[in-house]
PDB file of N, CA and C in Angstrom:
ATOM      1  N   MET A   1     -44.082  40.187 -15.721  1.00  0.00           N
ATOM      2  CA  MET A   1     -43.298  40.398 -16.472  1.00  0.00           C
ATOM      3  C   MET A   1     -42.737  41.778 -16.608  1.00  0.00           C
ATOM      4  N   ALA A   2     -43.595  42.837 -16.746  1.00  0.00           N
ATOM      5  CA  ALA A   2     -43.528  43.878 -17.098  1.00  0.00           C
ATOM      6  C   ALA A   2     -42.404  44.586 -16.222  1.00  0.00           C
ATOM      7  N   ASN A   3     -42.128  44.287 -14.594  1.00  0.00           N
ATOM      8  CA  ASN A   3     -41.114  44.637 -13.811  1.00  0.00           C
ATOM      9  C   ASN A   3     -40.135  44.247 -14.610  1.00  0.00           C
ATOM     10  N   SER A   4     -39.705  42.644 -14.865  1.00  0.00           N
ATOM     11  CA  SER A   4     -38.469  42.433 -15.128  1.00  0.00           C
ATOM     12  C   SER A   4     -37.975  43.314 -16.611  1.00  0.00           C
ATOM     13  N   TRP A   5     -38.669  43.662 -17.642  1.00  0.00           N
ATOM     14  CA  TRP A   5     -38.489  44.261 -18.917  1.00  0.00           C
ATOM     15  C   TRP A   5     -37.681  45.901 -18.037  1.00  0.00           C
ATOM     16  N   LEU A   6     -38.779  46.259 -17.094  1.00  0.00           N
ATOM     17  CA  LEU A   6     -38.575  47.880 -16.920  1.00  0.00           C
ATOM     18  C   LEU A   6     -37.069  47.905 -16.032  1.00  0.00           C
ATOM     19  N   GLY A   7     -36.782  46.945 -15.037  1.00  0.00           N
ATOM     20  CA  GLY A   7     -35.839  46.610 -14.050  1.00  0.00           C
ATOM     21  C   GLY A   7     -34.727  46.782 -15.162  1.00  0.00           C
ATOM     22  N   TYR A   8     -34.875  45.633 -16.437  1.00  0.00           N
ATOM     23  CA  TYR A   8     -33.543  45.472 -17.201  1.00  0.00           C
ATOM     24  C   TYR A   8     -33.392  46.781 -17.704  1.00  0.00           C
ATOM     25  N   ALA A   9     -33.923  47.273 -18.654  1.00  0.00           N
ATOM     26  CA  ALA A   9     -33.848  48.773 -18.894  1.00  0.00           C
ATOM     27  C   ALA A   9     -33.054  49.912 -17.820  1.00  0.00           C
ATOM     28  N   TYR A  10     -33.595  49.702 -16.733  1.00  0.00           N
ATOM     29  CA  TYR A  10     -33.345  50.426 -16.078  1.00  0.00           C
ATOM     30  C   TYR A  10     -31.903  50.031 -15.602  1.00  0.00           C
ATOM     31  N   LEU A  11     -31.595  48.643 -15.220  1.00  0.00           N
ATOM     32  CA  LEU A  11     -30.079  48.572 -15.162  1.00  0.00           C
ATOM     33  C   LEU A  11     -29.083  49.197 -16.155  1.00  0.00           C
ATOM     34  N   LEU A  12     -29.786  48.609 -17.588  1.00  0.00           N
ATOM     35  CA  LEU A  12     -28.946  49.014 -18.719  1.00  0.00           C
ATOM     36  C   LEU A  12     -28.377  50.861 -18.458  1.00  0.00           C
ATOM     37  N   LEU A  13     -29.849  51.477 -18.003  1.00  0.00           N
ATOM     38  CA  LEU A  13     -29.206  52.684 -18.153  1.00  0.00           C
ATOM     39  C   LEU A  13     -28.466  53.283 -16.749  1.00  0.00           C
ATOM     40  N   GLY A  14     -28.129  52.627 -15.880  1.00  0.00           N
ATOM     41  CA  GLY A  14     -27.420  53.070 -14.649  1.00  0.00           C
ATOM     42  C   GLY A  14     -28.369  53.521 -13.750  1.00  0.00           C
ATOM     43  N   ARG A  15     -29.585  53.327 -13.576  1.00  0.00           N
ATOM     44  CA  ARG A  15     -30.615  53.573 -12.413  1.00  0.00           C
ATOM     45  C   ARG A  15     -30.560  52.004 -12.022  1.00  0.00           C
ATOM     46  N   VAL A  16     -30.073  51.584 -11.257  1.00  0.00           N
ATOM     47  CA  VAL A  16     -29.340  50.701 -10.495  1.00  0.00           C
ATOM     48  C   VAL A  16     -30.663  50.176  -9.357  1.00  0.00           C
ATOM     49  N   ASP A  17     -30.921  51.133  -8.617  1.00  0.00           N
ATOM     50  CA  ASP A  17     -31.633  51.016  -7.733  1.00  0.00           C
ATOM     51  C   ASP A  17     -33.142  51.001  -8.192  1.00  0.00           C
ATOM     52  N   GLU A  18     -33.458  51.599  -9.241  1.00  0.00           N
ATOM     53  CA  GLU A  18     -34.493  51.216  -9.943  1.00  0.00           C
ATOM     54  C   GLU A  18     -35.061  49.935 -10.342  1.00  0.00           C
ATOM     55  N   ALA A  19     -33.669  49.555 -11.094  1.00  0.00           N
ATOM     56  CA  ALA A  19     -33.307  48.324 -11.158  1.00  0.00           C
ATOM     57  C   ALA A  19     -33.867  47.253 -10.107  1.00  0.00           C
ATOM     58  N   ILE A  20     -32.975  47.209  -9.647  1.00  0.00           N
ATOM     59  CA  ILE A  20     -33.243  46.041  -8.311  1.00  0.00           C
ATOM     60  C   ILE A  20     -34.699  46.302  -7.457  1.00  0.00           C
ATOM     61  N   ASP A  21     -35.271  47.542  -7.436  1.00  0.00           N
ATOM     62  CA  ASP A  21     -36.782  47.362  -6.731  1.00  0.00           C
ATOM     63  C   ASP A  21     -37.653  46.283  -7.813  1.00  0.00           C
ATOM     64  N   ARG A  22     -37.256  47.036  -9.064  1.00  0.00           N
ATOM     65  CA  ARG A  22     -38.505  46.064 -10.155  1.00  0.00           C
ATOM     66  C   ARG A  22     -38.380  44.506 -10.098  1.00  0.00           C
ATOM     67  N   TYR A  23     -36.732  44.308 -10.155  1.00  0.00           N
ATOM     68  CA  TYR A  23     -36.165  42.829 -10.068  1.00  0.00           C
ATOM     69  C   TYR A  23     -36.832  42.025  -8.883  1.00  0.00           C
ATOM     70  N   TYR A  24     -36.973  42.756  -7.644  1.00  0.00           N
ATOM     71  CA  TYR A  24     -37.471  42.328  -6.513  1.00  0.00           C
ATOM     72  C   TYR A  24     -38.882  42.136  -6.931  1.00  0.00           C
ATOM     73  N   GLN A  25     -39.673  42.883  -7.227  1.00  0.00           N
ATOM     74  CA  GLN A  25     -41.085  42.739  -7.519  1.00  0.00           C
ATOM     75  C   GLN A  25     -41.596  41.500  -8.658  1.00  0.00           C
ATOM     76  N   ALA A  26     -40.642  41.500  -9.707  1.00  0.00           N
ATOM     77  CA  ALA A  26     -40.301  40.655 -10.519  1.00  0.00           C
ATOM     78  C   ALA A  26     -40.352  38.975  -9.732  1.00  0.00           C
ATOM     79  N   ARG A  27     -39.363  39.289  -9.351  1.00  0.00           N
ATOM     80  CA  ARG A  27     -38.754  37.907  -8.582  1.00  0.00           C
ATOM     81  C   ARG A  27     -39.849  37.431  -7.515  1.00  0.00           C
ATOM     82  N   ALA A  28     -40.602  38.393  -6.930  1.00  0.00           N
ATOM     83  CA  ALA A  28     -42.032  38.005  -6.159  1.00  0.00           C
ATOM     84  C   ALA A  28     -42.786  37.791  -6.436  1.00  0.00           C
ATOM     85  N   ALA A  29     -43.303  37.864  -8.059  1.00  0.00           N
ATOM     86  CA  ALA A  29     -44.550  37.256  -8.683  1.00  0.00           C
ATOM     87  C   ALA A  29     -44.149  36.121  -9.531  1.00  0.00           C
ATOM     88  N   GLU A  30     -43.022  35.956  -9.753  1.00  0.00           N
ATOM     89  CA  GLU A  30     -42.411  34.514 -10.281  1.00  0.00           C
ATOM     90  C   GLU A  30     -41.261  33.994  -9.613  1.00  0.00           C
ATOM     91  N   PRO A  31     -41.248  33.351  -8.269  1.00  0.00           N
ATOM     92  CA  PRO A  31     -39.977  33.010  -7.337  1.00  0.00           C
ATOM     93  C   PRO A  31     -39.397  32.049  -8.514  1.00  0.00           C
ATOM     94  N   ARG A  32     -40.453  31.334  -8.981  1.00  0.00           N
ATOM     95  CA  ARG A  32     -39.379  30.091 -10.014  1.00  0.00           C
ATOM     96  C   ARG A  32     -38.859  30.453 -11.001  1.00  0.00           C
ATOM     97  N   SER A  33     -38.600  31.676 -11.903  1.00  0.00           N
ATOM     98  CA  SER A  33     -38.125  32.155 -12.855  1.00  0.00           C
ATOM     99  C   SER A  33     -36.742  32.624 -12.472  1.00  0.00           C
ATOM    100  N   GLY A  34     -35.273  31.515 -12.445  1.00  0.00           N
ATOM    101  CA  GLY A  34     -34.346  31.702 -12.643  1.00  0.00           C
ATOM    102  C   GLY A  34     -33.674  33.342 -13.101  1.00  0.00           C
ATOM    103  N   ILE A  35     -33.966  33.429 -14.460  1.00  0.00           N
ATOM    104  CA  ILE A  35     -33.218  34.612 -15.240  1.00  0.00           C
ATOM    105  C   ILE A  35     -33.682  35.864 -13.890  1.00  0.00           C
ATOM    106  N   TYR A  36     -34.812  35.861 -13.298  1.00  0.00           N
ATOM    107  CA  TYR A  36     -34.883  37.413 -12.444  1.00  0.00           C
ATOM    108  C   TYR A  36     -34.062  37.280 -11.575  1.00  0.00           C
ATOM    109  N   HIS A  37     -34.138  36.100 -10.745  1.00  0.00           N
ATOM    110  CA  HIS A  37     -32.786  35.865  -9.665  1.00  0.00           C
ATOM    111  C   HIS A  37     -31.326  36.243 -10.231  1.00  0.00           C
ATOM    112  N   ILE A  38     -31.115  36.058 -11.591  1.00  0.00           N
ATOM    113  CA  ILE A  38     -29.819  36.605 -11.847  1.00  0.00           C
ATOM    114  C   ILE A  38     -29.657  37.479 -12.393  1.00  0.00           C
ATOM    115  N   ILE A  39     -30.302  38.384 -12.682  1.00  0.00           N
ATOM    116  CA  ILE A  39     -30.516  39.705 -13.084  1.00  0.00           C
ATOM    117  C   ILE A  39     -30.057  40.551 -11.902  1.00  0.00           C
ATOM    118  N   LEU A  40     -31.197  39.861 -11.206  1.00  0.00           N
ATOM    119  CA  LEU A  40     -31.408  40.992  -9.943  1.00  0.00           C
ATOM    120  C   LEU A  40     -29.572  40.734  -9.198  1.00  0.00           C
ATOM    121  N   ALA A  41     -28.984  39.695  -9.639  1.00  0.00           N
ATOM    122  CA  ALA A  41     -27.823  39.315  -8.690  1.00  0.00           C
ATOM    123  C   ALA A  41     -26.966  39.990  -9.920  1.00  0.00           C
ATOM    124  N   ALA A  42     -27.150  40.680 -11.009  1.00  0.00           N
ATOM    125  CA  ALA A  42     -26.311  41.855 -11.648  1.00  0.00           C
ATOM    126  C   ALA A  42     -26.322  42.848 -11.183  1.00  0.00           C
ATOM    127  N   ALA A  43     -27.539  43.113 -10.936  1.00  0.00           N
ATOM    128  CA  ALA A  43     -27.812  44.724 -10.264  1.00  0.00           C
ATOM    129  C   ALA A  43     -27.090  45.014  -9.207  1.00  0.00           C
ATOM    130  N   LEU A  44     -27.353  44.137  -8.239  1.00  0.00           N
ATOM    131  CA  LEU A  44     -26.751  43.768  -6.874  1.00  0.00           C
ATOM    132  C   LEU A  44     -25.530  43.980  -6.927  1.00  0.00           C
ATOM    133  N   GLY A  45     -24.978  43.256  -7.873  1.00  0.00           N
ATOM    134  CA  GLY A  45     -23.407  43.240  -7.785  1.00  0.00           C
ATOM    135  C   GLY A  45     -22.784  44.442  -8.270  1.00  0.00           C
ATOM    136  N   TYR A  46     -23.668  44.827  -9.623  1.00  0.00           N
ATOM    137  CA  TYR A  46     -22.783  46.113  -9.696  1.00  0.00           C
ATOM    138  C   TYR A  46     -23.246  47.392  -8.784  1.00  0.00           C
ATOM    139  N   LYS A  47     -24.148  47.396  -8.090  1.00  0.00           N
ATOM    140  CA  LYS A  47     -24.523  48.580  -6.894  1.00  0.00           C
ATOM    141  C   LYS A  47     -22.909  48.220  -5.930  1.00  0.00           C
ATOM    142  N   GLY A  48     -22.738  46.768  -6.091  1.00  0.00           N
ATOM    143  CA  GLY A  48     -21.628  46.332  -4.815  1.00  0.00           C
ATOM    144  C   GLY A  48     -22.159  45.756  -3.476  1.00  0.00           C
ATOM    145  N   GLU A  49     -23.319  45.508  -3.468  1.00  0.00           N
ATOM    146  CA  GLU A  49     -24.392  44.501  -2.766  1.00  0.00           C
ATOM    147  C   GLU A  49     -23.837  43.478  -2.780  1.00  0.00           C
ATOM    148  N   ILE A  50     -22.685  42.899  -2.708  1.00  0.00           N
ATOM    149  CA  ILE A  50     -21.987  41.634  -3.005  1.00  0.00           C
ATOM    150  C   ILE A  50     -22.612  40.588  -2.462  1.00  0.00           C
ATOM    151  N   ASP A  51     -22.915  40.307  -1.217  1.00  0.00           N
ATOM    152  CA  ASP A  51     -23.655  39.092  -0.104  1.00  0.00           C
ATOM    153  C   ASP A  51     -25.057  39.170  -0.957  1.00  0.00           C
ATOM    154  N   GLU A  52     -25.690  39.901  -0.928  1.00  0.00           N
ATOM    155  CA  GLU A  52     -27.080  39.732  -1.588  1.00  0.00           C
ATOM    156  C   GLU A  52     -26.902  38.816  -3.144  1.00  0.00           C
ATOM    157  N   ALA A  53     -26.193  39.999  -3.911  1.00  0.00           N
ATOM    158  CA  ALA A  53     -26.136  39.300  -5.130  1.00  0.00           C
ATOM    159  C   ALA A  53     -25.657  38.167  -5.478  1.00  0.00           C
ATOM    160  N   ARG A  54     -24.679  37.427  -4.270  1.00  0.00           N
ATOM    161  CA  ARG A  54     -24.467  36.306  -4.215  1.00  0.00           C
ATOM    162  C   ARG A  54     -25.726  35.131  -4.146  1.00  0.00           C
ATOM    163  N   ALA A  55     -26.401  35.525  -2.946  1.00  0.00           N
ATOM    164  CA  ALA A  55     -27.508  35.310  -2.772  1.00  0.00           C
ATOM    165  C   ALA A  55     -28.454  34.502  -3.817  1.00  0.00           C
ATOM    166  N   SER A  56     -28.649  35.755  -4.097  1.00  0.00           N
ATOM    167  CA  SER A  56     -29.721  35.721  -5.703  1.00  0.00           C
ATOM    168  C   SER A  56     -29.102  34.904  -6.712  1.00  0.00           C
ATOM    169  N   LEU A  57     -27.674  35.026  -6.604  1.00  0.00           N
ATOM    170  CA  LEU A  57     -27.128  34.509  -7.973  1.00  0.00           C
ATOM    171  C   LEU A  57     -27.521  32.709  -7.740  1.00  0.00           C
ATOM    172  N   ALA A  58     -27.040  32.719  -6.812  1.00  0.00           N
ATOM    173  CA  ALA A  58     -27.047  31.150  -6.248  1.00  0.00           C
ATOM    174  C   ALA A  58     -28.491  30.316  -6.276  1.00  0.00           C
ATOM    175  N   GLU A  59     -29.829  31.375  -6.085  1.00  0.00           N
ATOM    176  CA  GLU A  59     -30.925  30.824  -5.971  1.00  0.00           C
ATOM    177  C   GLU A  59     -31.275  31.135  -7.720  1.00  0.00           C
ATOM    178  N   GLY A  60     -30.508  31.613  -8.558  1.00  0.00           N
ATOM    179  CA  GLY A  60     -31.072  31.808  -9.928  1.00  0.00           C
ATOM    180  C   GLY A  60     -30.593  30.420 -10.468  1.00  0.00           C
ATOM    181  N   LEU A  61     -29.147  29.937 -10.135  1.00  0.00           N
ATOM    182  CA  LEU A  61     -28.352  29.036 -10.463  1.00  0.00           C
ATOM    183  C   LEU A  61     -28.745  27.593 -10.324  1.00  0.00           C
ATOM    184  N   ASP A  62     -29.340  27.750  -9.127  1.00  0.00           N
ATOM    185  CA  ASP A  62     -30.443  26.446  -8.650  1.00  0.00           C
ATOM    186  C   ASP A  62     -31.479  26.190  -9.760  1.00  0.00           C
ATOM    187  N   LEU A  63     -31.905  27.309  -9.566  1.00  0.00           N
ATOM    188  CA  LEU A  63     -33.235  27.158 -10.917  1.00  0.00           C
ATOM    189  C   LEU A  63     -33.408  27.537 -12.326  1.00  0.00           C
ATOM    190  N   THR A  64     -31.788  27.572 -12.511  1.00  0.00           N
ATOM    191  CA  THR A  64     -31.598  28.000 -14.291  1.00  0.00           C
ATOM    192  C   THR A  64     -30.160  27.779 -14.200  1.00  0.00           C
ATOM    193  N   PRO A  65     -29.722  26.260 -14.232  1.00  0.00           N
ATOM    194  CA  PRO A  65     -28.060  26.135 -14.096  1.00  0.00           C
ATOM    195  C   PRO A  65     -27.686  26.335 -15.464  1.00  0.00           C
ATOM    196  N   LYS A  66     -28.419  26.215 -16.510  1.00  0.00           N
ATOM    197  CA  LYS A  66     -27.545  26.818 -18.110  1.00  0.00           C
ATOM    198  C   LYS A  66     -26.592  28.195 -17.783  1.00  0.00           C
ATOM    199  N   PHE A  67     -26.999  28.523 -16.971  1.00  0.00           N
ATOM    200  CA  PHE A  67     -26.114  30.494 -17.076  1.00  0.00           C
ATOM    201  C   PHE A  67     -25.393  30.039 -15.738  1.00  0.00           C
ATOM    202  N   ASN A  68     -24.049  29.437 -16.128  1.00  0.00           N
ATOM    203  CA  ASN A  68     -23.241  29.239 -15.108  1.00  0.00           C
ATOM    204  C   ASN A  68     -22.051  29.791 -15.309  1.00  0.00           C
ATOM    205  N   SER A  69     -22.131  31.085 -16.167  1.00  0.00           N
ATOM    206  CA  SER A  69     -21.145  31.637 -16.654  1.00  0.00           C
ATOM    207  C   SER A  69     -21.241  32.818 -17.316  1.00  0.00           C
ATOM    208  N   VAL A  70     -20.689  34.170 -17.293  1.00  0.00           N
ATOM    209  CA  VAL A  70     -21.296  35.216 -17.388  1.00  0.00           C
ATOM    210  C   VAL A  70     -21.191  34.798 -19.395  1.00  0.00           C
ATOM    211  N   THR A  71     -20.163  34.030 -20.016  1.00  0.00           N
ATOM    212  CA  THR A  71     -20.328  33.654 -21.275  1.00  0.00           C
ATOM    213  C   THR A  71     -21.502  33.146 -21.528  1.00  0.00           C
ATOM    214  N   SER A  72     -22.371  32.187 -20.762  1.00  0.00           N
ATOM    215  CA  SER A  72     -23.670  31.428 -20.987  1.00  0.00           C
ATOM    216  C   SER A  72     -24.579  32.180 -21.030  1.00  0.00           C
ATOM    217  N   VAL A  73     -24.802  33.181 -20.337  1.00  0.00           N
ATOM    218  CA  VAL A  73     -25.509  34.202 -20.287  1.00  0.00           C
ATOM    219  C   VAL A  73     -25.275  35.320 -21.550  1.00  0.00           C
ATOM    220  N   ARG A  74     -24.294  35.557 -21.604  1.00  0.00           N
ATOM    221  CA  ARG A  74     -23.635  36.535 -22.983  1.00  0.00           C
ATOM    222  C   ARG A  74     -24.322  35.574 -24.491  1.00  0.00           C
ATOM    223  N   ASN A  75     -24.387  34.432 -24.268  1.00  0.00           N
ATOM    224  CA  ASN A  75     -24.720  33.521 -25.084  1.00  0.00           C
ATOM    225  C   ASN A  75     -26.200  32.994 -25.621  1.00  0.00           C
ATOM    226  N   ASP A  76     -26.757  33.597 -24.419  1.00  0.00           N
ATOM    227  CA  ASP A  76     -28.312  33.128 -24.798  1.00  0.00           C
ATOM    228  C   ASP A  76     -28.884  33.911 -26.225  1.00  0.00           C
ATOM    229  N   PRO A  77     -29.797  33.450 -26.396  1.00  0.00           N
ATOM    230  CA  PRO A  77     -30.560  34.345 -27.687  1.00  0.00           C
ATOM    231  C   PRO A  77     -30.986  35.614 -27.294  1.00  0.00           C
ATOM    232  N   PHE A  78     -31.813  35.539 -25.743  1.00  0.00           N
ATOM    233  CA  PHE A  78     -32.065  37.041 -25.561  1.00  0.00           C
ATOM    234  C   PHE A  78     -31.062  38.042 -25.532  1.00  0.00           C
ATOM    235  N   PHE A  79     -30.077  37.666 -25.185  1.00  0.00           N
ATOM    236  CA  PHE A  79     -28.827  38.709 -24.853  1.00  0.00           C
ATOM    237  C   PHE A  79     -28.106  39.131 -26.289  1.00  0.00           C
ATOM    238  N   LYS A  80     -28.391  38.204 -27.426  1.00  0.00           N
ATOM    239  CA  LYS A  80     -27.786  38.476 -28.695  1.00  0.00           C
ATOM    240  C   LYS A  80     -28.371  39.208 -29.595  1.00  0.00           C
ATOM    241  N   VAL A  81     -29.202  39.793 -28.999  1.00  0.00           N
ATOM    242  CA  VAL A  81     -30.373  40.788 -29.786  1.00  0.00           C
ATOM    243  C   VAL A  81     -29.771  42.178 -29.571  1.00  0.00           C
ATOM    244  N   GLY A  82     -30.161  42.998 -30.692  1.00  0.00           N
ATOM    245  CA  GLY A  82     -29.609  44.364 -30.158  1.00  0.00           C
ATOM    246  C   GLY A  82     -28.558  44.888 -31.184  1.00  0.00           C
ATOM    247  N   ASN A  83     -28.129  46.046 -30.658  1.00  0.00           N
ATOM    248  CA  ASN A  83     -27.118  46.400 -31.346  1.00  0.00           C
ATOM    249  C   ASN A  83     -25.979  46.819 -30.631  1.00  0.00           C
ATOM    250  N   ASN A  84     -24.892  47.045 -31.090  1.00  0.00           N
ATOM    251  CA  ASN A  84     -23.704  47.500 -30.532  1.00  0.00           C
ATOM    252  C   ASN A  84     -23.526  48.219 -29.052  1.00  0.00           C
ATOM    253  N   ARG A  85     -24.434  49.333 -28.876  1.00  0.00           N
ATOM    254  CA  ARG A  85     -24.713  50.132 -28.020  1.00  0.00           C
ATOM    255  C   ARG A  85     -25.410  49.416 -26.796  1.00  0.00           C
ATOM    256  N   TYR A  86     -26.352  48.310 -27.056  1.00  0.00           N
ATOM    257  CA  TYR A  86     -26.923  47.524 -26.431  1.00  0.00           C
ATOM    258  C   TYR A  86     -25.969  46.968 -25.573  1.00  0.00           C
ATOM    259  N   HIS A  87     -25.052  45.915 -26.452  1.00  0.00           N
ATOM    260  CA  HIS A  87     -23.836  45.087 -25.918  1.00  0.00           C
ATOM    261  C   HIS A  87     -23.167  45.831 -24.816  1.00  0.00           C
ATOM    262  N   GLU A  88     -22.664  46.794 -25.618  1.00  0.00           N
ATOM    263  CA  GLU A  88     -21.505  47.523 -24.645  1.00  0.00           C
ATOM    264  C   GLU A  88     -22.569  48.243 -23.420  1.00  0.00           C
ATOM    265  N   LEU A  89     -23.739  48.336 -23.186  1.00  0.00           N
ATOM    266  CA  LEU A  89     -24.096  48.493 -21.884  1.00  0.00           C
ATOM    267  C   LEU A  89     -24.568  47.332 -21.193  1.00  0.00           C
ATOM    268  N   TRP A  90     -24.736  46.316 -21.612  1.00  0.00           N
ATOM    269  CA  TRP A  90     -24.656  44.855 -21.187  1.00  0.00           C
ATOM    270  C   TRP A  90     -23.628  44.645 -20.452  1.00  0.00           C
ATOM    271  N   GLU A  91     -22.340  44.841 -21.240  1.00  0.00           N
ATOM    272  CA  GLU A  91     -21.146  44.314 -21.075  1.00  0.00           C
ATOM    273  C   GLU A  91     -20.510  45.212 -19.314  1.00  0.00           C
ATOM    274  N   ASN A  92     -20.789  46.425 -19.353  1.00  0.00           N
ATOM    275  CA  ASN A  92     -20.518  47.141 -18.918  1.00  0.00           C
ATOM    276  C   ASN A  92     -21.174  47.426 -17.167  1.00  0.00           C
ATOM    277  N   LYS A  93     -22.463  47.078 -17.373  1.00  0.00           N
ATOM    278  CA  LYS A  93     -23.204  47.320 -16.377  1.00  0.00           C
ATOM    279  C   LYS A  93     -23.694  45.546 -15.843  1.00  0.00           C
ATOM    280  N   GLY A  94     -24.344  44.702 -16.667  1.00  0.00           N
ATOM    281  CA  GLY A  94     -25.197  43.630 -16.629  1.00  0.00           C
ATOM    282  C   GLY A  94     -23.509  42.846 -16.314  1.00  0.00           C
ATOM    283  N   ALA A  95     -22.949  42.373 -17.095  1.00  0.00           N
ATOM    284  CA  ALA A  95     -21.689  41.423 -17.074  1.00  0.00           C
ATOM    285  C   ALA A  95     -20.527  41.741 -15.963  1.00  0.00           C
ATOM    286  N   VAL A  96     -20.649  43.080 -15.315  1.00  0.00           N
ATOM    287  CA  VAL A  96     -19.656  43.458 -14.223  1.00  0.00           C
ATOM    288  C   VAL A  96     -20.104  43.108 -13.337  1.00  0.00           C
ATOM    289  N   GLY A  97     -21.932  43.172 -12.983  1.00  0.00           N
ATOM    290  CA  GLY A  97     -22.694  42.864 -11.791  1.00  0.00           C
ATOM    291  C   GLY A  97     -22.181  41.457 -11.596  1.00  0.00           C
ATOM    292  N   LEU A  98     -22.498  40.439 -12.694  1.00  0.00           N
ATOM    293  CA  LEU A  98     -22.359  39.179 -12.306  1.00  0.00           C
ATOM    294  C   LEU A  98     -21.013  38.626 -11.987  1.00  0.00           C
ATOM    295  N   ARG A  99     -20.300  39.577 -12.645  1.00  0.00           N
ATOM    296  CA  ARG A  99     -18.621  38.966 -12.266  1.00  0.00           C
ATOM    297  C   ARG A  99     -18.770  39.349 -10.580  1.00  0.00           C
ATOM    298  N   ARG A 100     -18.910  40.505 -10.141  1.00  0.00           N
ATOM    299  CA  ARG A 100     -19.251  40.747  -8.822  1.00  0.00           C
ATOM    300  C   ARG A 100     -19.535  40.125  -7.941  1.00  0.00           C
ATOM    301  N   ALA A 101     -20.581  39.305  -8.600  1.00  0.00           N
ATOM    302  CA  ALA A 101     -21.426  38.909  -7.770  1.00  0.00           C
ATOM    303  C   ALA A 101     -20.963  36.973  -7.437  1.00  0.00           C
ATOM    304  N   GLY A 102     -19.913  36.900  -8.323  1.00  0.00           N
ATOM    305  CA  GLY A 102     -18.976  35.814  -8.265  1.00  0.00           C
ATOM    306  C   GLY A 102     -19.579  34.614  -9.450  1.00  0.00           C
ATOM    307  N   LEU A 103     -20.078  35.324 -10.726  1.00  0.00           N
ATOM    308  CA  LEU A 103     -20.135  34.442 -11.691  1.00  0.00           C
ATOM    309  C   LEU A 103     -18.999  34.317 -12.387  1.00  0.00           C
ATOM    310  N   PRO A 104     -18.566  33.326 -12.919  1.00  0.00           N
ATOM    311  CA  PRO A 104     -17.089  32.873 -13.447  1.00  0.00           C
ATOM    312  C   PRO A 104     -17.177  33.348 -14.956  1.00  0.00           C
ATOM    313  N   GLU A 105     -16.204  33.846 -15.883  1.00  0.00           N
ATOM    314  CA  GLU A 105     -16.341  34.500 -17.031  1.00  0.00           C
ATOM    315  C   GLU A 105     -16.870  32.993 -17.814  1.00  0.00           C
ATOM    316  N   ALA A 106     -16.124  32.156 -17.712  1.00  0.00           N
ATOM    317  CA  ALA A 106     -16.418  30.973 -18.882  1.00  0.00           C
ATOM    318  C   ALA A 106     -16.531  29.602 -17.989  1.00  0.00           C
TER     319      ALA A 106
END
């Protein structure tokens, strides 16, 4: 779990390669955690690794189908915490990456 939190922080800070490394580790440790696949897809999509992002997103959606749109991810209680700067970082990195990976807006 520590890798996922650190990876998420790296993603929001724009340290995308480090985020990807941490999410690969988190996913390997807990392969049934769909959100790890989905946030890895966001990081890969943000970086422009579209094929890998789509594959990770598909795996994540198989495990956690409730996150079937950017809006559904945004509306999850986990993503509702924080201040305006946090939300801005998420929108400019995480949401962008998910869109690039092919997750629809709504």
